[in-house]
Amino acid sequence: MFQTLVNAVSGAWWSYFIVFGVAMVDAFFPLVPSETVLITAGVLAGAGDLQLWLVILAGAAGAVAGDNVSFALGTWVGERTVKRWFSGEKAQRRLHWAEHQLLTRGAYIIIVARFIPGGRTATTFAAGYIHAFPWRKFIVYDIAAGLIWATYGALLGYVGGKTFEAHPWKGFIVAFAVASGIALVIEGIRHLRARRGATE
């Protein structure tokens, strides 16, 4: 798996465009593994094949561009159409959660949602159709979210790549395991809070 990703990302100048493109598409087609690609690019940066700051910049720029596509689609097509697109029970729950969080907790949830599986897509679409925030407010929080996410993912890979310089695939496994563990912890906390709220 790691070698396949390395071959895809490579260490060439156009690797940054792959990081950008995958991070962008992941906003509205979440089956694309943007965090995996970002971590792999970070590992390659740790091995000296890519520049870390350019990996972070490409990841953040792609994430922000994709989020703004989702926001624009949510604004243009409206709530009813978005909910038709995401008609599955799980997707409906995520949209409902995003609507509630945006209305009760405010714009900071745009940053938090990026680290919740499926939260990024639901939140950016919902922010567009519920008109909770004007675009000028959304973009400020979204840029912060993109930079935090890209720095976190790329640095995880970079540290892994530096630590296991002779065997970068080990660095990838460790970095990916840490990222997955953090995502599971965040999702677990969210579920506990939701259950506690339902019983109160």
N, C-alpha and C. Protein backbone atom coordinates (compact mmCIF):
# COMPACT_ATOMS: atom_id res chain seq x y z
N MET A 1 0.83 -1.21 0.00
CA MET A 1 0.00 0.00 0.00
C MET A 1 0.86 1.26 0.00
N PHE A 2 1.87 1.29 0.92
CA PHE A 2 2.71 2.47 1.03
C PHE A 2 3.44 2.74 -0.28
N GLN A 3 3.99 1.69 -0.90
CA GLN A 3 4.74 1.87 -2.14
C GLN A 3 3.84 2.37 -3.26
N THR A 4 2.59 1.91 -3.26
CA THR A 4 1.62 2.39 -4.26
C THR A 4 1.38 3.88 -4.09
N LEU A 5 1.24 4.33 -2.83
CA LEU A 5 1.03 5.75 -2.56
C LEU A 5 2.27 6.57 -2.92
N VAL A 6 3.44 6.01 -2.59
CA VAL A 6 4.69 6.70 -2.93
C VAL A 6 4.80 6.86 -4.44
N ASN A 7 4.47 5.82 -5.18
CA ASN A 7 4.52 5.89 -6.64
C ASN A 7 3.55 6.94 -7.17
N ALA A 8 2.39 7.05 -6.51
CA ALA A 8 1.39 8.03 -6.95
C ALA A 8 1.83 9.45 -6.62
N VAL A 9 2.28 9.63 -5.37
CA VAL A 9 2.70 10.97 -4.94
C VAL A 9 4.06 11.32 -5.51
N SER A 10 4.96 10.31 -5.57
CA SER A 10 6.30 10.46 -6.12
C SER A 10 7.09 11.47 -5.28
N GLY A 11 8.14 12.01 -5.87
CA GLY A 11 8.90 13.04 -5.19
C GLY A 11 9.20 14.16 -6.17
N ALA A 12 8.42 14.18 -7.25
CA ALA A 12 8.63 15.17 -8.32
C ALA A 12 7.89 16.47 -8.01
N TRP A 13 8.14 17.48 -8.83
CA TRP A 13 7.53 18.80 -8.60
C TRP A 13 6.01 18.74 -8.69
N TRP A 14 5.47 17.82 -9.50
CA TRP A 14 4.03 17.75 -9.66
C TRP A 14 3.34 17.02 -8.51
N SER A 15 4.13 16.47 -7.57
CA SER A 15 3.54 15.81 -6.40
C SER A 15 2.68 16.76 -5.58
N TYR A 16 3.09 18.03 -5.54
CA TYR A 16 2.33 19.02 -4.77
C TYR A 16 0.94 19.23 -5.37
N PHE A 17 0.84 19.12 -6.69
CA PHE A 17 -0.46 19.26 -7.34
C PHE A 17 -1.36 18.06 -7.04
N ILE A 18 -0.76 16.88 -6.86
CA ILE A 18 -1.54 15.70 -6.46
C ILE A 18 -2.09 15.91 -5.05
N VAL A 19 -1.25 16.38 -4.14
CA VAL A 19 -1.69 16.65 -2.77
C VAL A 19 -2.83 17.67 -2.79
N PHE A 20 -2.65 18.73 -3.57
CA PHE A 20 -3.68 19.77 -3.70
C PHE A 20 -4.98 19.18 -4.24
N GLY A 21 -4.89 18.42 -5.33
CA GLY A 21 -6.08 17.89 -6.00
C GLY A 21 -6.85 16.91 -5.13
N VAL A 22 -6.14 16.02 -4.46
CA VAL A 22 -6.81 15.03 -3.60
C VAL A 22 -7.47 15.72 -2.41
N ALA A 23 -6.77 16.69 -1.80
CA ALA A 23 -7.35 17.43 -0.67
C ALA A 23 -8.59 18.20 -1.10
N MET A 24 -8.61 18.70 -2.32
CA MET A 24 -9.76 19.45 -2.81
C MET A 24 -10.95 18.53 -3.06
N VAL A 25 -10.73 17.43 -3.79
CA VAL A 25 -11.83 16.52 -4.15
C VAL A 25 -12.43 15.87 -2.91
N ASP A 26 -11.61 15.63 -1.89
CA ASP A 26 -12.08 14.98 -0.67
C ASP A 26 -13.18 15.78 0.03
N ALA A 27 -13.27 17.06 -0.24
CA ALA A 27 -14.29 17.90 0.40
C ALA A 27 -15.70 17.49 -0.02
N PHE A 28 -15.88 17.12 -1.28
CA PHE A 28 -17.24 16.78 -1.75
C PHE A 28 -17.34 15.34 -2.23
N PHE A 29 -16.22 14.60 -2.22
CA PHE A 29 -16.22 13.17 -2.53
C PHE A 29 -15.31 12.50 -1.51
N PRO A 30 -15.84 12.29 -0.28
CA PRO A 30 -14.98 11.90 0.84
C PRO A 30 -14.36 10.51 0.77
N LEU A 31 -14.58 9.76 -0.29
CA LEU A 31 -13.92 8.46 -0.43
C LEU A 31 -12.46 8.62 -0.86
N VAL A 32 -12.11 9.83 -1.32
CA VAL A 32 -10.72 10.10 -1.71
C VAL A 32 -9.88 10.27 -0.43
N PRO A 33 -8.78 9.53 -0.28
CA PRO A 33 -8.02 9.52 0.99
C PRO A 33 -7.06 10.69 1.14
N SER A 34 -7.57 11.88 1.39
CA SER A 34 -6.70 13.06 1.43
C SER A 34 -5.69 13.00 2.57
N GLU A 35 -6.12 12.54 3.75
CA GLU A 35 -5.19 12.50 4.88
C GLU A 35 -4.07 11.48 4.63
N THR A 36 -4.41 10.36 4.01
CA THR A 36 -3.41 9.34 3.69
C THR A 36 -2.37 9.88 2.72
N VAL A 37 -2.84 10.59 1.69
CA VAL A 37 -1.93 11.18 0.71
C VAL A 37 -1.06 12.25 1.37
N LEU A 38 -1.66 13.06 2.24
CA LEU A 38 -0.91 14.11 2.93
C LEU A 38 0.18 13.52 3.83
N ILE A 39 -0.17 12.47 4.58
CA ILE A 39 0.81 11.81 5.45
C ILE A 39 1.95 11.22 4.61
N THR A 40 1.59 10.58 3.49
CA THR A 40 2.61 10.01 2.60
C THR A 40 3.56 11.10 2.09
N ALA A 41 3.00 12.24 1.69
CA ALA A 41 3.84 13.35 1.23
C ALA A 41 4.73 13.85 2.36
N GLY A 42 4.21 13.85 3.59
CA GLY A 42 5.01 14.24 4.75
C GLY A 42 6.16 13.28 4.98
N VAL A 43 5.90 11.98 4.83
CA VAL A 43 6.97 10.97 4.95
C VAL A 43 8.06 11.22 3.91
N LEU A 44 7.63 11.50 2.67
CA LEU A 44 8.60 11.78 1.60
C LEU A 44 9.39 13.05 1.89
N ALA A 45 8.72 14.03 2.53
CA ALA A 45 9.44 15.26 2.92
C ALA A 45 10.47 14.93 3.99
N GLY A 46 10.10 14.04 4.92
CA GLY A 46 11.05 13.63 5.96
C GLY A 46 12.25 12.91 5.38
N ALA A 47 12.03 12.21 4.27
CA ALA A 47 13.12 11.49 3.60
C ALA A 47 13.92 12.41 2.67
N GLY A 48 13.49 13.66 2.53
CA GLY A 48 14.21 14.63 1.71
C GLY A 48 13.76 14.70 0.26
N ASP A 49 12.67 14.00 -0.09
CA ASP A 49 12.21 14.00 -1.48
C ASP A 49 11.28 15.15 -1.82
N LEU A 50 10.64 15.74 -0.80
CA LEU A 50 9.74 16.87 -1.00
C LEU A 50 10.04 17.94 0.05
N GLN A 51 9.54 19.15 -0.21
CA GLN A 51 9.69 20.25 0.75
C GLN A 51 8.48 20.28 1.68
N LEU A 52 8.72 20.21 2.99
CA LEU A 52 7.61 20.13 3.95
C LEU A 52 6.67 21.32 3.83
N TRP A 53 7.21 22.53 3.73
CA TRP A 53 6.34 23.71 3.71
C TRP A 53 5.46 23.74 2.46
N LEU A 54 5.96 23.20 1.35
CA LEU A 54 5.15 23.14 0.14
C LEU A 54 4.07 22.06 0.25
N VAL A 55 4.38 20.97 0.94
CA VAL A 55 3.36 19.93 1.19
C VAL A 55 2.23 20.52 2.02
N ILE A 56 2.58 21.26 3.08
CA ILE A 56 1.57 21.89 3.94
C ILE A 56 0.75 22.90 3.14
N LEU A 57 1.42 23.73 2.36
CA LEU A 57 0.73 24.74 1.56
C LEU A 57 -0.22 24.10 0.55
N ALA A 58 0.24 23.05 -0.13
CA ALA A 58 -0.59 22.37 -1.13
C ALA A 58 -1.80 21.71 -0.47
N GLY A 59 -1.58 21.05 0.66
CA GLY A 59 -2.68 20.41 1.37
C GLY A 59 -3.71 21.41 1.86
N ALA A 60 -3.23 22.50 2.47
CA ALA A 60 -4.15 23.52 2.99
C ALA A 60 -4.92 24.21 1.87
N ALA A 61 -4.22 24.56 0.79
CA ALA A 61 -4.88 25.23 -0.33
C ALA A 61 -5.93 24.34 -0.97
N GLY A 62 -5.60 23.04 -1.15
CA GLY A 62 -6.56 22.11 -1.72
C GLY A 62 -7.78 21.94 -0.83
N ALA A 63 -7.54 21.82 0.48
CA ALA A 63 -8.65 21.66 1.43
C ALA A 63 -9.57 22.87 1.40
N VAL A 64 -9.01 24.06 1.41
CA VAL A 64 -9.82 25.29 1.40
C VAL A 64 -10.59 25.41 0.08
N ALA A 65 -9.93 25.09 -1.03
CA ALA A 65 -10.61 25.16 -2.34
C ALA A 65 -11.79 24.19 -2.37
N GLY A 66 -11.59 22.97 -1.90
CA GLY A 66 -12.67 21.98 -1.89
C GLY A 66 -13.80 22.38 -0.97
N ASP A 67 -13.47 22.91 0.20
CA ASP A 67 -14.50 23.34 1.14
C ASP A 67 -15.36 24.44 0.54
N ASN A 68 -14.73 25.31 -0.22
CA ASN A 68 -15.49 26.41 -0.82
C ASN A 68 -16.38 25.94 -1.97
N VAL A 69 -15.97 24.86 -2.64
CA VAL A 69 -16.87 24.24 -3.63
C VAL A 69 -18.10 23.70 -2.92
N SER A 70 -17.90 22.99 -1.80
CA SER A 70 -19.02 22.44 -1.03
C SER A 70 -19.92 23.56 -0.50
N PHE A 71 -19.32 24.61 0.03
CA PHE A 71 -20.08 25.75 0.55
C PHE A 71 -20.93 26.37 -0.57
N ALA A 72 -20.30 26.56 -1.73
CA ALA A 72 -21.01 27.16 -2.87
C ALA A 72 -22.16 26.27 -3.34
N LEU A 73 -21.91 24.96 -3.41
CA LEU A 73 -22.97 24.03 -3.81
C LEU A 73 -24.12 24.05 -2.82
N GLY A 74 -23.79 24.07 -1.53
CA GLY A 74 -24.83 24.15 -0.51
C GLY A 74 -25.67 25.41 -0.64
N THR A 75 -25.01 26.51 -0.98
CA THR A 75 -25.71 27.79 -1.14
C THR A 75 -26.59 27.77 -2.39
N TRP A 76 -26.06 27.29 -3.50
CA TRP A 76 -26.76 27.36 -4.78
C TRP A 76 -27.90 26.36 -4.91
N VAL A 77 -27.68 25.13 -4.48
CA VAL A 77 -28.71 24.11 -4.70
C VAL A 77 -29.69 24.01 -3.53
N GLY A 78 -29.28 24.44 -2.34
CA GLY A 78 -30.19 24.46 -1.20
C GLY A 78 -30.25 23.17 -0.42
N GLU A 79 -30.89 23.27 0.74
CA GLU A 79 -30.95 22.15 1.69
C GLU A 79 -31.62 20.91 1.11
N ARG A 80 -32.74 21.09 0.43
CA ARG A 80 -33.48 19.92 -0.07
C ARG A 80 -32.66 19.09 -1.04
N THR A 81 -31.96 19.76 -1.95
CA THR A 81 -31.15 19.03 -2.94
C THR A 81 -29.95 18.35 -2.29
N VAL A 82 -29.29 19.05 -1.36
CA VAL A 82 -28.14 18.45 -0.66
C VAL A 82 -28.58 17.19 0.07
N LYS A 83 -29.73 17.24 0.71
CA LYS A 83 -30.20 16.08 1.47
C LYS A 83 -30.67 14.95 0.55
N ARG A 84 -31.00 15.29 -0.68
CA ARG A 84 -31.28 14.22 -1.67
C ARG A 84 -29.98 13.56 -2.09
N TRP A 85 -28.93 14.37 -2.26
CA TRP A 85 -27.62 13.81 -2.64
C TRP A 85 -27.09 12.89 -1.55
N PHE A 86 -27.25 13.32 -0.29
CA PHE A 86 -26.76 12.54 0.84
C PHE A 86 -27.96 11.91 1.55
N SER A 87 -28.55 10.94 0.89
CA SER A 87 -29.82 10.39 1.36
C SER A 87 -29.66 9.24 2.36
N GLY A 88 -28.46 8.71 2.50
CA GLY A 88 -28.24 7.61 3.45
C GLY A 88 -28.48 8.03 4.88
N GLU A 89 -28.82 7.07 5.71
CA GLU A 89 -29.14 7.36 7.11
C GLU A 89 -27.95 7.99 7.84
N LYS A 90 -26.75 7.44 7.60
CA LYS A 90 -25.54 7.97 8.24
C LYS A 90 -25.27 9.41 7.79
N ALA A 91 -25.40 9.65 6.48
CA ALA A 91 -25.17 11.00 5.95
C ALA A 91 -26.19 11.99 6.49
N GLN A 92 -27.44 11.56 6.61
CA GLN A 92 -28.48 12.44 7.15
C GLN A 92 -28.19 12.81 8.60
N ARG A 93 -27.70 11.84 9.36
CA ARG A 93 -27.35 12.12 10.76
C ARG A 93 -26.20 13.13 10.84
N ARG A 94 -25.24 12.98 9.94
CA ARG A 94 -24.10 13.91 9.94
C ARG A 94 -24.54 15.33 9.57
N LEU A 95 -25.44 15.43 8.58
CA LEU A 95 -25.94 16.75 8.20
C LEU A 95 -26.72 17.38 9.36
N HIS A 96 -27.55 16.59 10.01
CA HIS A 96 -28.32 17.10 11.15
C HIS A 96 -27.37 17.57 12.26
N TRP A 97 -26.32 16.76 12.52
CA TRP A 97 -25.33 17.13 13.53
C TRP A 97 -24.65 18.45 13.14
N ALA A 98 -24.26 18.57 11.87
CA ALA A 98 -23.56 19.77 11.40
C ALA A 98 -24.45 21.01 11.54
N GLU A 99 -25.72 20.88 11.16
CA GLU A 99 -26.66 22.01 11.29
C GLU A 99 -26.75 22.46 12.74
N HIS A 100 -26.93 21.49 13.63
CA HIS A 100 -27.08 21.79 15.06
C HIS A 100 -25.82 22.47 15.60
N GLN A 101 -24.64 21.92 15.26
CA GLN A 101 -23.38 22.47 15.76
C GLN A 101 -23.13 23.88 15.24
N LEU A 102 -23.42 24.10 13.97
CA LEU A 102 -23.21 25.43 13.39
C LEU A 102 -24.10 26.47 14.06
N LEU A 103 -25.32 26.08 14.37
CA LEU A 103 -26.27 27.03 14.95
C LEU A 103 -26.06 27.25 16.45
N THR A 104 -25.55 26.23 17.15
CA THR A 104 -25.41 26.35 18.60
C THR A 104 -23.99 26.68 19.05
N ARG A 105 -23.00 26.18 18.33
CA ARG A 105 -21.61 26.36 18.78
C ARG A 105 -20.86 27.42 17.98
N GLY A 106 -21.37 27.78 16.83
CA GLY A 106 -20.73 28.85 16.07
C GLY A 106 -19.68 28.37 15.09
N ALA A 107 -18.97 29.32 14.53
CA ALA A 107 -18.07 29.04 13.41
C ALA A 107 -16.88 28.17 13.77
N TYR A 108 -16.51 28.09 15.05
CA TYR A 108 -15.32 27.30 15.40
C TYR A 108 -15.51 25.82 15.05
N ILE A 109 -16.77 25.38 14.91
CA ILE A 109 -17.02 23.98 14.56
C ILE A 109 -16.48 23.65 13.17
N ILE A 110 -16.28 24.66 12.33
CA ILE A 110 -15.70 24.45 11.00
C ILE A 110 -14.28 23.89 11.15
N ILE A 111 -13.57 24.34 12.19
CA ILE A 111 -12.22 23.83 12.45
C ILE A 111 -12.28 22.43 13.05
N VAL A 112 -13.13 22.25 14.06
CA VAL A 112 -13.23 20.96 14.77
C VAL A 112 -13.70 19.86 13.82
N ALA A 113 -14.69 20.17 12.97
CA ALA A 113 -15.30 19.16 12.10
C ALA A 113 -14.30 18.53 11.14
N ARG A 114 -13.24 19.22 10.83
CA ARG A 114 -12.25 18.66 9.90
C ARG A 114 -11.60 17.40 10.45
N PHE A 115 -11.60 17.24 11.76
CA PHE A 115 -10.96 16.08 12.37
C PHE A 115 -11.96 14.99 12.77
N ILE A 116 -13.21 15.16 12.34
CA ILE A 116 -14.25 14.16 12.61
C ILE A 116 -14.57 13.46 11.30
N PRO A 117 -14.50 12.13 11.24
CA PRO A 117 -14.80 11.42 9.98
C PRO A 117 -16.17 11.81 9.42
N GLY A 118 -16.17 12.32 8.20
CA GLY A 118 -17.41 12.76 7.56
C GLY A 118 -17.88 14.13 7.99
N GLY A 119 -17.26 14.68 9.02
CA GLY A 119 -17.71 15.97 9.56
C GLY A 119 -17.42 17.14 8.66
N ARG A 120 -16.28 17.07 7.98
CA ARG A 120 -15.89 18.18 7.10
C ARG A 120 -16.91 18.39 5.99
N THR A 121 -17.28 17.31 5.30
CA THR A 121 -18.22 17.41 4.17
C THR A 121 -19.58 17.92 4.63
N ALA A 122 -20.09 17.32 5.70
CA ALA A 122 -21.41 17.72 6.21
C ALA A 122 -21.42 19.18 6.64
N THR A 123 -20.36 19.61 7.32
CA THR A 123 -20.33 20.98 7.85
C THR A 123 -20.22 22.02 6.75
N THR A 124 -19.40 21.77 5.74
CA THR A 124 -19.23 22.78 4.70
C THR A 124 -20.48 22.90 3.83
N PHE A 125 -21.13 21.78 3.52
CA PHE A 125 -22.39 21.85 2.78
C PHE A 125 -23.47 22.55 3.61
N ALA A 126 -23.58 22.16 4.89
CA ALA A 126 -24.61 22.75 5.76
C ALA A 126 -24.39 24.25 5.96
N ALA A 127 -23.13 24.66 6.10
CA ALA A 127 -22.83 26.08 6.27
C ALA A 127 -23.33 26.89 5.08
N GLY A 128 -23.31 26.27 3.89
CA GLY A 128 -23.80 26.96 2.70
C GLY A 128 -25.30 27.11 2.67
N TYR A 129 -26.04 26.03 3.01
CA TYR A 129 -27.49 26.12 2.83
C TYR A 129 -28.26 26.67 4.02
N ILE A 130 -27.66 26.63 5.24
CA ILE A 130 -28.42 27.21 6.35
C ILE A 130 -28.12 28.71 6.50
N HIS A 131 -27.17 29.22 5.73
CA HIS A 131 -26.82 30.65 5.75
C HIS A 131 -26.49 31.14 7.16
N ALA A 132 -25.86 30.26 7.93
CA ALA A 132 -25.49 30.63 9.30
C ALA A 132 -24.40 31.69 9.32
N PHE A 133 -23.53 31.63 8.29
CA PHE A 133 -22.41 32.56 8.24
C PHE A 133 -22.26 33.10 6.82
N PRO A 134 -21.99 34.37 6.69
CA PRO A 134 -21.65 34.88 5.36
C PRO A 134 -20.32 34.28 4.92
N TRP A 135 -20.09 34.26 3.62
CA TRP A 135 -18.87 33.63 3.10
C TRP A 135 -17.62 34.26 3.69
N ARG A 136 -17.64 35.57 3.92
CA ARG A 136 -16.44 36.25 4.45
C ARG A 136 -16.06 35.73 5.84
N LYS A 137 -17.05 35.32 6.62
CA LYS A 137 -16.76 34.74 7.93
C LYS A 137 -16.35 33.28 7.78
N PHE A 138 -17.02 32.56 6.88
CA PHE A 138 -16.70 31.15 6.65
C PHE A 138 -15.26 30.98 6.20
N ILE A 139 -14.80 31.82 5.27
CA ILE A 139 -13.47 31.64 4.68
C ILE A 139 -12.37 31.83 5.72
N VAL A 140 -12.57 32.72 6.69
CA VAL A 140 -11.57 32.95 7.73
C VAL A 140 -11.35 31.68 8.55
N TYR A 141 -12.45 31.09 9.01
CA TYR A 141 -12.36 29.86 9.81
C TYR A 141 -11.89 28.69 8.96
N ASP A 142 -12.28 28.68 7.70
CA ASP A 142 -11.90 27.57 6.83
C ASP A 142 -10.41 27.59 6.51
N ILE A 143 -9.84 28.76 6.31
CA ILE A 143 -8.39 28.85 6.08
C ILE A 143 -7.64 28.36 7.32
N ALA A 144 -8.11 28.76 8.50
CA ALA A 144 -7.49 28.29 9.74
C ALA A 144 -7.58 26.77 9.84
N ALA A 145 -8.76 26.22 9.51
CA ALA A 145 -8.97 24.77 9.56
C ALA A 145 -8.04 24.05 8.59
N GLY A 146 -7.93 24.58 7.37
CA GLY A 146 -7.08 23.97 6.35
C GLY A 146 -5.62 23.96 6.75
N LEU A 147 -5.15 25.07 7.30
CA LEU A 147 -3.75 25.16 7.72
C LEU A 147 -3.44 24.23 8.89
N ILE A 148 -4.36 24.18 9.86
CA ILE A 148 -4.15 23.30 11.02
C ILE A 148 -4.12 21.84 10.57
N TRP A 149 -5.10 21.46 9.73
CA TRP A 149 -5.18 20.07 9.25
C TRP A 149 -3.94 19.69 8.44
N ALA A 150 -3.54 20.55 7.51
CA ALA A 150 -2.41 20.23 6.64
C ALA A 150 -1.10 20.17 7.43
N THR A 151 -0.94 21.07 8.39
CA THR A 151 0.27 21.06 9.22
C THR A 151 0.33 19.80 10.07
N TYR A 152 -0.80 19.46 10.66
CA TYR A 152 -0.88 18.26 11.51
C TYR A 152 -0.57 16.99 10.71
N GLY A 153 -1.22 16.81 9.58
CA GLY A 153 -1.02 15.60 8.77
C GLY A 153 0.38 15.51 8.19
N ALA A 154 0.86 16.62 7.64
CA ALA A 154 2.19 16.60 7.02
C ALA A 154 3.29 16.40 8.07
N LEU A 155 3.14 17.03 9.24
CA LEU A 155 4.15 16.86 10.29
C LEU A 155 4.16 15.44 10.85
N LEU A 156 2.98 14.83 10.96
CA LEU A 156 2.93 13.42 11.39
C LEU A 156 3.78 12.56 10.46
N GLY A 157 3.56 12.74 9.16
CA GLY A 157 4.33 11.99 8.17
C GLY A 157 5.81 12.35 8.20
N TYR A 158 6.10 13.63 8.35
CA TYR A 158 7.49 14.12 8.35
C TYR A 158 8.28 13.51 9.51
N VAL A 159 7.68 13.54 10.71
CA VAL A 159 8.36 12.98 11.89
C VAL A 159 8.55 11.47 11.70
N GLY A 160 7.52 10.80 11.17
CA GLY A 160 7.65 9.37 10.90
C GLY A 160 8.74 9.08 9.89
N GLY A 161 8.79 9.89 8.83
CA GLY A 161 9.82 9.72 7.80
C GLY A 161 11.22 9.96 8.33
N LYS A 162 11.36 10.95 9.22
CA LYS A 162 12.67 11.25 9.81
C LYS A 162 13.10 10.16 10.79
N THR A 163 12.13 9.67 11.56
CA THR A 163 12.42 8.66 12.57
C THR A 163 12.84 7.34 11.93
N PHE A 164 12.17 6.99 10.83
CA PHE A 164 12.48 5.73 10.14
C PHE A 164 13.01 6.03 8.74
N GLU A 165 14.07 6.82 8.70
CA GLU A 165 14.60 7.29 7.42
C GLU A 165 15.02 6.13 6.51
N ALA A 166 15.55 5.07 7.09
CA ALA A 166 16.00 3.93 6.29
C ALA A 166 14.83 3.07 5.83
N HIS A 167 13.71 3.12 6.57
CA HIS A 167 12.51 2.34 6.23
C HIS A 167 11.29 3.26 6.31
N PRO A 168 11.09 4.14 5.33
CA PRO A 168 10.02 5.13 5.42
C PRO A 168 8.62 4.53 5.54
N TRP A 169 8.43 3.29 5.07
CA TRP A 169 7.12 2.66 5.19
C TRP A 169 6.74 2.47 6.65
N LYS A 170 7.74 2.27 7.52
CA LYS A 170 7.46 2.16 8.95
C LYS A 170 6.97 3.50 9.51
N GLY A 171 7.58 4.57 9.01
CA GLY A 171 7.15 5.91 9.42
C GLY A 171 5.72 6.19 9.00
N PHE A 172 5.38 5.72 7.80
CA PHE A 172 4.00 5.89 7.32
C PHE A 172 3.02 5.14 8.22
N ILE A 173 3.34 3.89 8.56
CA ILE A 173 2.45 3.08 9.39
C ILE A 173 2.24 3.73 10.76
N VAL A 174 3.33 4.20 11.37
CA VAL A 174 3.22 4.84 12.69
C VAL A 174 2.39 6.12 12.59
N ALA A 175 2.68 6.96 11.59
CA ALA A 175 1.95 8.23 11.43
C ALA A 175 0.48 7.98 11.15
N PHE A 176 0.19 7.00 10.28
CA PHE A 176 -1.20 6.69 9.95
C PHE A 176 -1.93 6.14 11.17
N ALA A 177 -1.25 5.31 11.97
CA ALA A 177 -1.86 4.75 13.18
C ALA A 177 -2.19 5.85 14.19
N VAL A 178 -1.28 6.81 14.33
CA VAL A 178 -1.51 7.93 15.25
C VAL A 178 -2.70 8.76 14.78
N ALA A 179 -2.74 9.08 13.48
CA ALA A 179 -3.85 9.87 12.93
C ALA A 179 -5.18 9.15 13.10
N SER A 180 -5.19 7.84 12.84
CA SER A 180 -6.42 7.05 12.98
C SER A 180 -6.86 7.00 14.44
N GLY A 181 -5.88 6.85 15.34
CA GLY A 181 -6.19 6.81 16.76
C GLY A 181 -6.80 8.11 17.25
N ILE A 182 -6.24 9.24 16.81
CA ILE A 182 -6.78 10.55 17.20
C ILE A 182 -8.19 10.73 16.66
N ALA A 183 -8.42 10.32 15.40
CA ALA A 183 -9.76 10.42 14.81
C ALA A 183 -10.76 9.57 15.58
N LEU A 184 -10.36 8.38 16.00
CA LEU A 184 -11.26 7.50 16.77
C LEU A 184 -11.58 8.10 18.13
N VAL A 185 -10.59 8.70 18.78
CA VAL A 185 -10.82 9.34 20.07
C VAL A 185 -11.81 10.50 19.93
N ILE A 186 -11.61 11.34 18.92
CA ILE A 186 -12.51 12.47 18.69
C ILE A 186 -13.92 11.99 18.41
N GLU A 187 -14.04 10.96 17.56
CA GLU A 187 -15.36 10.41 17.23
C GLU A 187 -16.01 9.79 18.47
N GLY A 188 -15.21 9.12 19.31
CA GLY A 188 -15.74 8.53 20.54
C GLY A 188 -16.28 9.60 21.48
N ILE A 189 -15.53 10.69 21.64
CA ILE A 189 -15.97 11.80 22.50
C ILE A 189 -17.27 12.40 21.97
N ARG A 190 -17.35 12.56 20.64
CA ARG A 190 -18.55 13.12 20.03
C ARG A 190 -19.77 12.23 20.31
N HIS A 191 -19.59 10.91 20.17
CA HIS A 191 -20.69 9.97 20.41
C HIS A 191 -21.14 10.00 21.87
N LEU A 192 -20.16 10.07 22.79
CA LEU A 192 -20.51 10.12 24.22
C LEU A 192 -21.29 11.38 24.55
N ARG A 193 -20.86 12.50 23.97
CA ARG A 193 -21.57 13.75 24.23
C ARG A 193 -22.98 13.72 23.65
N ALA A 194 -23.10 13.12 22.44
CA ALA A 194 -24.43 13.03 21.81
C ALA A 194 -25.35 12.16 22.66
N ARG A 195 -24.85 11.04 23.18
CA ARG A 195 -25.67 10.15 24.01
C ARG A 195 -26.04 10.82 25.32
N ARG A 196 -25.08 11.56 25.89
CA ARG A 196 -25.36 12.26 27.14
C ARG A 196 -26.43 13.34 26.94
N GLY A 197 -26.32 14.04 25.79
CA GLY A 197 -27.32 15.06 25.47
C GLY A 197 -28.70 14.47 25.26
N ALA A 198 -28.75 13.27 24.69
CA ALA A 198 -30.04 12.63 24.42
C ALA A 198 -30.73 12.16 25.70
N THR A 199 -29.93 11.84 26.72
CA THR A 199 -30.51 11.33 27.98
C THR A 199 -30.87 12.45 28.95
N GLU A 200 -30.38 13.65 28.68
CA GLU A 200 -30.68 14.77 29.60
C GLU A 200 -32.03 15.40 29.28
